[in-house]
Amino acid sequence: MCDGAGGGESLLPYARYIVSEPEIRRTAAGFIGYGRTRPGDRVLLAADTHFDPEVVEATAKAFRERGARVDVIVTDAGPDREFDDLDELRAAIRRRPWREEPRRWEGIPWVQELAAREGYDLLVHGKGGGIPPTKHRYEAFPWLRKEHFASRATVFPRDLHTLVNERAWRPIWEEGPGGRMHLTDPEGTEVTWDMWPEYFDHPSAMFGPVPRWNHLMSHPPTPISERESASGTVRGTTNHFGRPFVPITVTVEKGRVEHVEGGGVYGDAWRELLAEARDITYPCFPRPGLFWLWEIAIGTNPKIVRASNIRYLSSGGFEWERRRSGIVHLGMGTQWRGPEEKWAGENHLVYGHLHVHCMAATLVLETAKGKSYTILDKGRLTSLDDGEVRDCAAKYGDPDRVLAEDWVPPIPGITVPGAYEDYAKDPAGFIYSR
């Protein structure tokens, strides 16, 4: 296993590792690979101006070393700048078809069309979200910065990472039907929901017997059951792609967001959207309203570290770090590129989903047979401590070191010394000063 890189260390060992690893059509660091590339293959590598050019160059060189022919496109992402309070909405909320106004994480339509029209064997493109179905191979490219790329997260052993995910997912999928989940977090989140059997009747890539690699779905995706019961409060200070905000409290009753309190400018904007969509009945929800809680996803890579330039767009924002093991991101709204979003876009109705992150969560599954599984314990993904996982980790060194989190989210009064009340007055000031 490679160690983390810094300074001017070559990026090529990391690029070679990625290019040699198997492909599974995911956007999650640790599970992305382009290993089916063969001599003579044509590869289109599409990045944008927020990427460090050295990351792009190293990846292209690794492909060429395998005998592939590589064309590189760099699109204009606009000027790099500090995040503001509304960047999450700019990234995720739309009122027309996504083809006409792609969202930040997904691929650019004309790039996708070019790859198909010109017969490329592989398109490498897109920072996150889902990968649309295509006739050609299509894999993500989420490493904007050298510190993202040249890190232990990139080369975390695939067999070990797979086992970590499988061990965490097994009780949810195999014993979850009819059970009940309970999520808590010291910033104030407390939500419970039932794992109704009907959610397990139609397996998908997002919720099925195979884990959603590095994005374990502890609540099933849309469509939402008529019996949906998720209730409680979601509270936090960060989302995927915006400036940190004073604590926001999102109240959920039977799956639907009923109130949004606090959150500063982000909260104000969310409240406006809540009112705008209050009377719209989306095809995926049993009652009117856009903001339904369904994405309660768990990161699984213990080597993810917050970017040093986190205040800038080119950091990838907090979306990058939600891949870190134990971090939970909660999404409320429509499913990314789901059929409900196609419907809303065609009708020029608001769609998308907004996020709140939980950094030190505890998640417990109570099964229908009365058995209890702690999936997360105070921000620690418990499958990292599974005996078989530790045995696998021992192939790569001391299991304690291999399975240790390289970074712990600093939250005063919770994970680091200080008073949470002081932090809550200005989370951005604290996070940006680290």
Protein backbone atom coordinates (compact mmCIF):
# COMPACT_ATOMS: atom_id res chain seq x y z
CA MET A 1 0.00 0.00 0.00
CA CYS A 2 1.40 3.39 -0.99
CA ASP A 3 1.89 6.08 1.62
CA GLY A 4 0.44 9.57 1.27
CA ALA A 5 2.38 11.96 -0.95
CA GLY A 6 3.28 15.55 -0.44
CA GLY A 7 5.27 18.31 -2.02
CA GLY A 8 6.61 17.49 -5.47
CA GLU A 9 6.39 13.71 -5.21
CA SER A 10 5.39 12.12 -8.49
CA LEU A 11 1.69 11.47 -9.00
CA LEU A 12 2.38 8.64 -11.43
CA PRO A 13 2.30 5.77 -8.87
CA TYR A 14 -1.25 6.78 -7.97
CA ALA A 15 -2.30 7.19 -11.58
CA ARG A 16 -0.84 3.78 -12.47
CA TYR A 17 -2.70 2.19 -9.57
CA ILE A 18 -6.03 3.67 -10.68
CA VAL A 19 -5.51 2.75 -14.31
CA SER A 20 -4.79 -0.86 -13.33
CA GLU A 21 -7.70 -1.36 -10.90
CA PRO A 22 -11.03 -2.97 -11.96
CA GLU A 23 -13.92 -0.78 -13.08
CA ILE A 24 -17.23 -0.77 -11.22
CA ARG A 25 -18.89 2.48 -12.41
CA ARG A 26 -18.69 4.40 -9.14
CA THR A 27 -17.66 7.93 -8.25
CA ALA A 28 -16.29 6.98 -4.83
CA ALA A 29 -12.57 7.31 -4.10
CA GLY A 30 -11.15 3.87 -3.43
CA PHE A 31 -13.49 2.18 -5.89
CA ILE A 32 -12.70 3.98 -9.13
CA GLY A 33 -10.53 2.14 -11.61
CA TYR A 34 -9.91 1.98 -15.33
CA GLY A 35 -8.41 -1.51 -15.41
CA ARG A 36 -10.10 -2.82 -18.56
CA THR A 37 -8.12 -0.37 -20.69
CA ARG A 38 -6.11 -2.20 -23.36
CA PRO A 39 -3.46 -1.18 -25.90
CA GLY A 40 -5.09 0.72 -28.74
CA ASP A 41 -8.13 1.81 -26.70
CA ARG A 42 -9.25 5.38 -27.25
CA VAL A 43 -9.79 7.29 -24.00
CA LEU A 44 -11.41 10.69 -23.59
CA LEU A 45 -10.33 12.33 -20.33
CA ALA A 46 -12.52 15.36 -19.56
CA ALA A 47 -11.70 17.67 -16.64
CA ASP A 48 -12.27 21.37 -16.00
CA THR A 49 -10.27 24.42 -14.94
CA HIS A 50 -10.72 23.69 -11.23
CA PHE A 51 -8.56 20.55 -11.58
CA ASP A 52 -4.85 20.71 -10.87
CA PRO A 53 -3.26 20.16 -14.32
CA GLU A 54 -0.71 17.76 -12.84
CA VAL A 55 -3.48 15.35 -11.82
CA VAL A 56 -4.84 15.35 -15.37
CA GLU A 57 -1.39 14.97 -16.91
CA ALA A 58 -0.40 12.07 -14.65
CA THR A 59 -3.63 10.20 -15.41
CA ALA A 60 -3.23 10.68 -19.15
CA LYS A 61 0.39 9.49 -18.96
CA ALA A 62 -0.60 6.33 -17.07
CA PHE A 63 -3.16 5.50 -19.76
CA ARG A 64 -0.56 6.05 -22.48
CA GLU A 65 1.86 3.75 -20.68
CA ARG A 66 -0.77 1.02 -21.10
CA GLY A 67 -0.84 1.70 -24.81
CA ALA A 68 -4.07 3.70 -24.88
CA ARG A 69 -4.58 6.78 -27.06
CA VAL A 70 -5.76 9.63 -24.86
CA ASP A 71 -7.47 12.88 -25.79
CA VAL A 72 -7.87 15.48 -23.02
CA ILE A 73 -10.61 18.10 -22.77
CA VAL A 74 -10.51 20.85 -20.14
CA THR A 75 -13.75 22.80 -19.89
CA ASP A 76 -14.10 26.23 -18.30
CA ALA A 77 -15.58 25.99 -14.79
CA GLY A 78 -15.37 29.73 -14.21
CA PRO A 79 -13.06 31.45 -11.76
CA ASP A 80 -12.04 29.68 -8.60
CA ARG A 81 -13.32 31.62 -5.58
CA GLU A 82 -14.40 31.23 -1.99
CA PHE A 83 -17.64 29.40 -1.32
CA ASP A 84 -20.71 31.42 -0.49
CA ASP A 85 -23.92 30.47 1.31
CA LEU A 86 -25.88 29.54 -1.82
CA ASP A 87 -23.41 27.38 -3.74
CA GLU A 88 -25.17 24.19 -2.56
CA LEU A 89 -28.35 25.37 -4.28
CA ARG A 90 -26.48 26.39 -7.42
CA ALA A 91 -24.94 22.93 -7.53
CA ALA A 92 -28.05 20.85 -6.86
CA ILE A 93 -31.36 22.65 -7.52
CA ARG A 94 -32.85 23.03 -11.01
CA ARG A 95 -36.13 23.96 -12.73
CA ARG A 96 -35.44 22.73 -16.24
CA PRO A 97 -34.04 19.50 -17.73
CA TRP A 98 -30.55 18.61 -16.49
CA ARG A 99 -29.42 18.36 -20.10
CA GLU A 100 -30.02 22.09 -20.47
CA GLU A 101 -28.32 22.97 -17.18
CA PRO A 102 -26.05 20.22 -15.86
CA ARG A 103 -25.30 20.19 -12.17
CA ARG A 104 -21.81 20.53 -10.87
CA TRP A 105 -21.04 16.88 -10.18
CA GLU A 106 -22.53 15.22 -13.21
CA GLY A 107 -21.05 14.98 -16.68
CA ILE A 108 -21.47 17.66 -19.33
CA PRO A 109 -23.92 16.50 -22.03
CA TRP A 110 -21.87 17.63 -25.03
CA VAL A 111 -18.81 15.82 -23.67
CA GLN A 112 -20.84 12.64 -23.23
CA GLU A 113 -22.24 13.01 -26.74
CA LEU A 114 -18.77 13.56 -28.18
CA ALA A 115 -17.50 10.37 -26.55
CA ALA A 116 -20.41 8.39 -28.01
CA ARG A 117 -20.30 9.98 -31.45
CA GLU A 118 -16.56 9.56 -31.89
CA GLY A 119 -16.53 5.98 -30.64
CA TYR A 120 -14.26 6.32 -27.62
CA ASP A 121 -13.76 3.10 -25.68
CA LEU A 122 -13.70 4.93 -22.33
CA LEU A 123 -14.92 8.31 -21.10
CA VAL A 124 -13.34 9.51 -17.84
CA HIS A 125 -15.45 12.41 -16.63
CA GLY A 126 -17.63 13.68 -13.77
CA LYS A 127 -16.86 14.46 -10.14
CA GLY A 128 -19.73 12.71 -8.38
CA GLY A 129 -23.38 11.77 -8.51
CA GLY A 130 -24.51 8.83 -10.59
CA ILE A 131 -23.02 7.72 -13.89
CA PRO A 132 -25.67 7.54 -16.63
CA PRO A 133 -26.06 4.38 -18.72
CA THR A 134 -23.96 4.44 -21.90
CA LYS A 135 -22.87 2.02 -24.60
CA HIS A 136 -19.22 2.86 -23.99
CA ARG A 137 -17.28 2.54 -20.73
CA TYR A 138 -17.74 5.60 -18.53
CA GLU A 139 -15.94 6.19 -15.22
CA ALA A 140 -15.67 9.13 -12.85
CA PHE A 141 -12.77 11.52 -12.25
CA PRO A 142 -13.23 13.19 -8.83
CA TRP A 143 -9.65 14.12 -7.85
CA LEU A 144 -9.43 17.89 -8.29
CA ARG A 145 -6.29 18.42 -6.24
CA LYS A 146 -2.93 16.71 -5.88
CA GLU A 147 -3.70 16.09 -2.20
CA HIS A 148 -6.90 14.25 -3.20
CA PHE A 149 -5.02 12.17 -5.73
CA ALA A 150 -1.70 11.41 -4.03
CA SER A 151 -3.25 10.05 -0.84
CA ARG A 152 -3.81 6.81 1.02
CA ALA A 153 -7.52 7.14 0.17
CA THR A 154 -6.77 6.66 -3.52
CA VAL A 155 -4.78 3.46 -2.99
CA PHE A 156 -6.68 2.02 -0.03
CA PRO A 157 -6.54 -1.72 -0.87
CA ARG A 158 -9.55 -2.64 -2.98
CA ASP A 159 -10.08 -6.09 -1.44
CA LEU A 160 -9.99 -4.61 2.05
CA HIS A 161 -12.29 -1.73 1.17
CA THR A 162 -14.72 -4.16 -0.45
CA LEU A 163 -14.81 -6.28 2.71
CA VAL A 164 -15.36 -3.19 4.91
CA ASN A 165 -18.39 -2.30 2.83
CA GLU A 166 -19.76 -5.83 2.71
CA ARG A 167 -19.49 -6.27 6.48
CA ALA A 168 -21.26 -2.98 7.14
CA TRP A 169 -23.95 -3.65 4.55
CA ARG A 170 -24.78 -7.27 5.35
CA PRO A 171 -26.99 -6.66 8.41
CA ILE A 172 -28.84 -3.83 6.66
CA TRP A 173 -29.69 -5.84 3.58
CA GLU A 174 -30.08 -9.32 5.08
CA GLU A 175 -31.75 -8.45 8.39
CA GLY A 176 -33.10 -4.99 7.74
CA PRO A 177 -36.59 -5.82 6.35
CA GLY A 178 -39.14 -5.02 9.04
CA GLY A 179 -36.48 -3.48 11.27
CA ARG A 180 -36.01 0.04 12.53
CA MET A 181 -33.09 2.47 12.29
CA HIS A 182 -32.05 5.08 14.85
CA LEU A 183 -29.53 7.79 13.92
CA THR A 184 -28.12 10.24 16.45
CA ASP A 185 -25.33 12.81 16.31
CA PRO A 186 -23.98 15.11 19.04
CA GLU A 187 -24.71 18.22 16.95
CA GLY A 188 -28.40 17.48 17.51
CA THR A 189 -29.55 14.99 14.85
CA GLU A 190 -31.97 12.31 15.99
CA VAL A 191 -34.05 10.46 13.41
CA THR A 192 -35.75 7.07 13.36
CA TRP A 193 -37.26 5.22 10.41
CA ASP A 194 -38.77 1.84 9.60
CA MET A 195 -37.18 -0.44 7.01
CA TRP A 196 -40.44 -1.50 5.44
CA PRO A 197 -40.23 -4.84 3.56
CA GLU A 198 -41.53 -3.24 0.36
CA TYR A 199 -38.32 -1.26 0.10
CA PHE A 200 -36.44 -4.55 -0.38
CA ASP A 201 -38.78 -5.97 -3.04
CA HIS A 202 -37.16 -4.30 -6.05
CA PRO A 203 -33.36 -4.32 -5.66
CA SER A 204 -31.34 -1.71 -7.53
CA ALA A 205 -27.74 -0.57 -7.85
CA MET A 206 -28.40 1.95 -5.10
CA PHE A 207 -30.22 -0.41 -2.73
CA GLY A 208 -29.68 -4.12 -3.29
CA PRO A 209 -27.62 -7.12 -2.20
CA VAL A 210 -24.43 -5.50 -3.54
CA PRO A 211 -23.40 -2.51 -1.39
CA ARG A 212 -23.49 0.99 -2.85
CA TRP A 213 -19.71 1.18 -2.61
CA ASN A 214 -18.55 3.94 -0.24
CA HIS A 215 -22.12 5.30 -0.16
CA LEU A 216 -24.02 2.80 1.97
CA MET A 217 -27.72 3.63 1.83
CA SER A 218 -29.09 3.17 5.32
CA HIS A 219 -32.44 4.46 4.07
CA PRO A 220 -33.84 3.18 0.76
CA PRO A 221 -34.04 5.58 -2.21
CA THR A 222 -37.14 6.86 -3.97
CA PRO A 223 -39.93 6.00 -4.63
CA ILE A 224 -41.03 6.53 -1.04
CA SER A 225 -43.48 4.09 0.55
CA GLU A 226 -46.96 5.21 1.60
CA ARG A 227 -45.94 3.92 5.05
CA GLU A 228 -42.77 6.03 5.26
CA SER A 229 -42.11 6.81 8.92
CA ALA A 230 -38.82 8.75 9.11
CA SER A 231 -39.29 11.32 11.86
CA GLY A 232 -37.09 13.53 13.98
CA THR A 233 -34.61 16.34 13.49
CA VAL A 234 -31.54 16.70 11.32
CA ARG A 235 -29.01 19.24 12.60
CA GLY A 236 -25.58 20.26 11.36
CA THR A 237 -23.34 23.00 9.98
CA THR A 238 -22.06 21.70 6.63
CA ASN A 239 -23.48 20.50 3.33
CA HIS A 240 -21.87 19.19 0.13
CA PHE A 241 -20.87 22.34 -1.67
CA GLY A 242 -21.35 25.56 0.29
CA ARG A 243 -19.94 27.76 2.99
CA PRO A 244 -20.39 26.35 6.53
CA PHE A 245 -23.48 27.77 8.21
CA VAL A 246 -24.80 28.33 11.72
CA PRO A 247 -26.64 25.19 12.84
CA ILE A 248 -29.64 24.31 10.72
CA THR A 249 -32.46 22.21 12.18
CA VAL A 250 -34.59 20.29 9.68
CA THR A 251 -37.73 18.72 11.18
CA VAL A 252 -39.02 15.59 9.44
CA GLU A 253 -42.39 13.94 10.01
CA LYS A 254 -43.31 10.69 8.29
CA GLY A 255 -40.58 11.26 5.74
CA ARG A 256 -41.38 14.82 4.74
CA VAL A 257 -39.56 17.97 5.83
CA GLU A 258 -42.07 20.13 7.70
CA HIS A 259 -39.88 22.91 9.08
CA VAL A 260 -36.42 24.36 8.53
CA GLU A 261 -35.00 26.53 11.32
CA GLY A 262 -31.71 28.40 11.54
CA GLY A 263 -28.99 27.80 8.97
CA GLY A 264 -28.44 31.48 8.16
CA VAL A 265 -28.71 32.36 4.47
CA TYR A 266 -28.70 28.66 3.52
CA GLY A 267 -31.68 28.11 5.81
CA ASP A 268 -33.49 31.14 4.37
CA ALA A 269 -33.06 29.80 0.84
CA TRP A 270 -34.22 26.33 1.87
CA ARG A 271 -37.34 27.78 3.48
CA GLU A 272 -38.17 29.60 0.23
CA LEU A 273 -37.85 26.35 -1.71
CA LEU A 274 -39.95 24.54 0.86
CA ALA A 275 -42.75 27.04 0.26
CA GLU A 276 -42.34 26.94 -3.53
CA ALA A 277 -42.78 23.16 -3.69
CA ARG A 278 -45.29 22.75 -0.87
CA ASP A 279 -48.25 21.94 -3.16
CA ILE A 280 -46.39 20.02 -5.90
CA THR A 281 -46.99 16.27 -5.96
CA TYR A 282 -43.92 14.51 -7.33
CA PRO A 283 -44.35 11.02 -8.82
CA CYS A 284 -41.98 9.49 -6.26
CA PHE A 285 -43.60 10.80 -3.06
CA PRO A 286 -46.92 9.80 -1.43
CA ARG A 287 -47.87 13.38 -0.54
CA PRO A 288 -47.06 16.87 -1.91
CA GLY A 289 -43.75 18.56 -1.27
CA LEU A 290 -40.20 18.31 -2.64
CA PHE A 291 -38.17 17.75 0.50
CA TRP A 292 -38.46 14.15 1.63
CA LEU A 293 -35.68 12.45 3.60
CA TRP A 294 -34.36 9.34 1.88
CA GLU A 295 -30.61 9.69 1.36
CA ILE A 296 -28.92 8.71 4.62
CA ALA A 297 -25.62 7.54 3.19
CA ILE A 298 -22.49 6.34 4.98
CA GLY A 299 -18.91 6.91 3.83
CA THR A 300 -16.49 4.01 4.18
CA ASN A 301 -12.93 5.12 3.28
CA PRO A 302 -10.91 5.78 6.46
CA LYS A 303 -8.15 7.61 4.60
CA ILE A 304 -10.16 10.57 3.29
CA VAL A 305 -8.87 13.93 4.55
CA ARG A 306 -10.47 17.38 4.31
CA ALA A 307 -8.81 19.48 1.59
CA SER A 308 -6.43 22.18 2.81
CA ASN A 309 -8.08 24.82 0.59
CA ILE A 310 -11.58 23.93 1.78
CA ARG A 311 -12.82 27.52 1.52
CA TYR A 312 -12.39 27.43 -2.31
CA LEU A 313 -14.51 25.78 -5.01
CA SER A 314 -11.47 23.90 -6.29
CA SER A 315 -11.30 21.97 -3.00
CA GLY A 316 -14.32 19.93 -4.05
CA GLY A 317 -16.04 21.21 -0.92
CA PHE A 318 -17.34 19.02 1.89
CA GLU A 319 -18.67 16.64 -0.77
CA TRP A 320 -15.17 15.16 -0.97
CA GLU A 321 -14.94 14.39 2.73
CA ARG A 322 -18.36 12.75 3.00
CA ARG A 323 -16.62 9.67 1.56
CA ARG A 324 -14.64 9.35 4.83
CA SER A 325 -15.65 6.33 6.88
CA GLY A 326 -18.32 7.12 9.46
CA ILE A 327 -19.50 10.43 8.01
CA VAL A 328 -23.20 10.43 7.16
CA HIS A 329 -24.73 12.76 4.63
CA LEU A 330 -28.47 13.23 4.63
CA GLY A 331 -30.18 14.32 1.42
CA MET A 332 -33.72 15.62 1.18
CA GLY A 333 -35.48 15.99 -2.19
CA THR A 334 -35.59 14.07 -5.46
CA GLN A 335 -33.20 11.28 -6.45
CA TRP A 336 -30.27 12.33 -8.63
CA ARG A 337 -31.39 11.85 -12.27
CA GLY A 338 -34.31 9.73 -11.08
CA PRO A 339 -37.51 9.58 -13.15
CA GLU A 340 -39.08 12.19 -10.87
CA GLU A 341 -36.35 14.66 -11.88
CA LYS A 342 -36.97 14.04 -15.56
CA TRP A 343 -40.68 14.72 -14.95
CA ALA A 344 -40.01 17.88 -12.97
CA GLY A 345 -37.52 19.23 -15.48
CA GLU A 346 -39.89 18.72 -18.39
CA ASN A 347 -42.58 20.59 -16.45
CA HIS A 348 -40.17 23.33 -15.31
CA LEU A 349 -40.81 22.55 -11.66
CA VAL A 350 -38.17 22.79 -8.95
CA TYR A 351 -36.22 19.59 -8.23
CA GLY A 352 -33.00 18.36 -6.65
CA HIS A 353 -31.94 17.57 -3.10
CA LEU A 354 -30.10 19.43 -0.36
CA HIS A 355 -27.73 18.05 2.26
CA VAL A 356 -26.72 18.20 5.89
CA HIS A 357 -23.67 16.26 7.13
CA CYS A 358 -23.31 14.38 10.42
CA MET A 359 -19.67 14.02 11.46
CA ALA A 360 -19.81 11.85 14.60
CA ALA A 361 -22.98 9.81 14.21
CA THR A 362 -24.20 6.66 15.89
CA LEU A 363 -26.48 4.41 13.82
CA VAL A 364 -28.25 1.37 15.25
CA LEU A 365 -30.42 -1.19 13.45
CA GLU A 366 -33.01 -3.03 15.52
CA THR A 367 -34.14 -6.02 13.48
CA ALA A 368 -37.65 -7.46 13.30
CA LYS A 369 -36.36 -10.39 15.38
CA GLY A 370 -35.07 -8.12 18.15
CA LYS A 371 -31.40 -8.25 17.26
CA SER A 372 -29.35 -5.05 17.48
CA TYR A 373 -26.52 -3.97 15.15
CA THR A 374 -24.47 -0.85 15.73
CA ILE A 375 -23.39 0.25 12.25
CA LEU A 376 -21.73 3.47 13.42
CA ASP A 377 -20.48 4.30 16.89
CA LYS A 378 -19.67 7.97 17.55
CA GLY A 379 -18.37 8.44 14.02
CA ARG A 380 -16.52 5.11 13.80
CA LEU A 381 -17.68 2.63 11.13
CA THR A 382 -17.80 -0.53 13.22
CA SER A 383 -17.05 -2.87 10.31
CA LEU A 384 -13.50 -1.50 10.44
CA ASP A 385 -13.14 -3.47 13.69
CA ASP A 386 -14.59 -6.72 12.35
CA GLY A 387 -12.24 -9.67 12.88
CA GLU A 388 -12.19 -10.74 9.24
CA VAL A 389 -11.57 -7.14 8.16
CA ARG A 390 -8.62 -6.89 10.55
CA ASP A 391 -7.21 -10.17 9.23
CA CYS A 392 -7.42 -8.80 5.69
CA ALA A 393 -5.80 -5.52 6.79
CA ALA A 394 -2.90 -7.45 8.29
CA LYS A 395 -1.75 -8.27 4.75
CA TYR A 396 -0.87 -4.57 4.39
CA GLY A 397 0.72 -3.89 7.77
CA ASP A 398 -0.40 -3.24 11.33
CA PRO A 399 -4.24 -3.43 11.22
CA ASP A 400 -4.51 -0.60 13.74
CA ARG A 401 -2.61 1.67 11.37
CA VAL A 402 -4.17 0.41 8.14
CA LEU A 403 -7.73 0.83 9.47
CA ALA A 404 -7.20 4.07 11.39
CA GLU A 405 -8.94 7.21 10.17
CA ASP A 406 -6.31 9.59 8.82
CA TRP A 407 -8.46 12.59 9.76
CA VAL A 408 -11.12 13.30 12.37
CA PRO A 409 -13.52 16.18 11.65
CA PRO A 410 -12.70 18.88 14.23
CA ILE A 411 -15.83 19.98 16.11
CA PRO A 412 -15.25 21.87 19.37
CA GLY A 413 -16.87 20.22 22.35
CA ILE A 414 -17.37 17.00 20.38
CA THR A 415 -14.14 15.81 18.75
CA VAL A 416 -11.69 18.52 19.85
CA PRO A 417 -11.46 20.72 22.95
CA GLY A 418 -13.63 23.81 23.13
CA ALA A 419 -17.26 24.81 23.46
CA TYR A 420 -19.74 23.80 20.79
CA GLU A 421 -21.74 26.95 21.52
CA ASP A 422 -18.77 29.09 20.45
CA TYR A 423 -18.26 27.01 17.31
CA ALA A 424 -21.96 27.25 16.43
CA LYS A 425 -21.79 31.05 16.31
CA ASP A 426 -19.34 30.94 13.38
CA PRO A 427 -18.61 27.47 11.97
CA ALA A 428 -17.03 28.93 8.83
CA GLY A 429 -14.60 31.02 10.87
CA PHE A 430 -13.50 27.94 12.84
CA ILE A 431 -13.23 25.56 9.85
CA TYR A 432 -11.44 28.05 7.60
CA SER A 433 -8.90 28.90 10.28
CA ARG A 434 -7.70 25.31 10.70
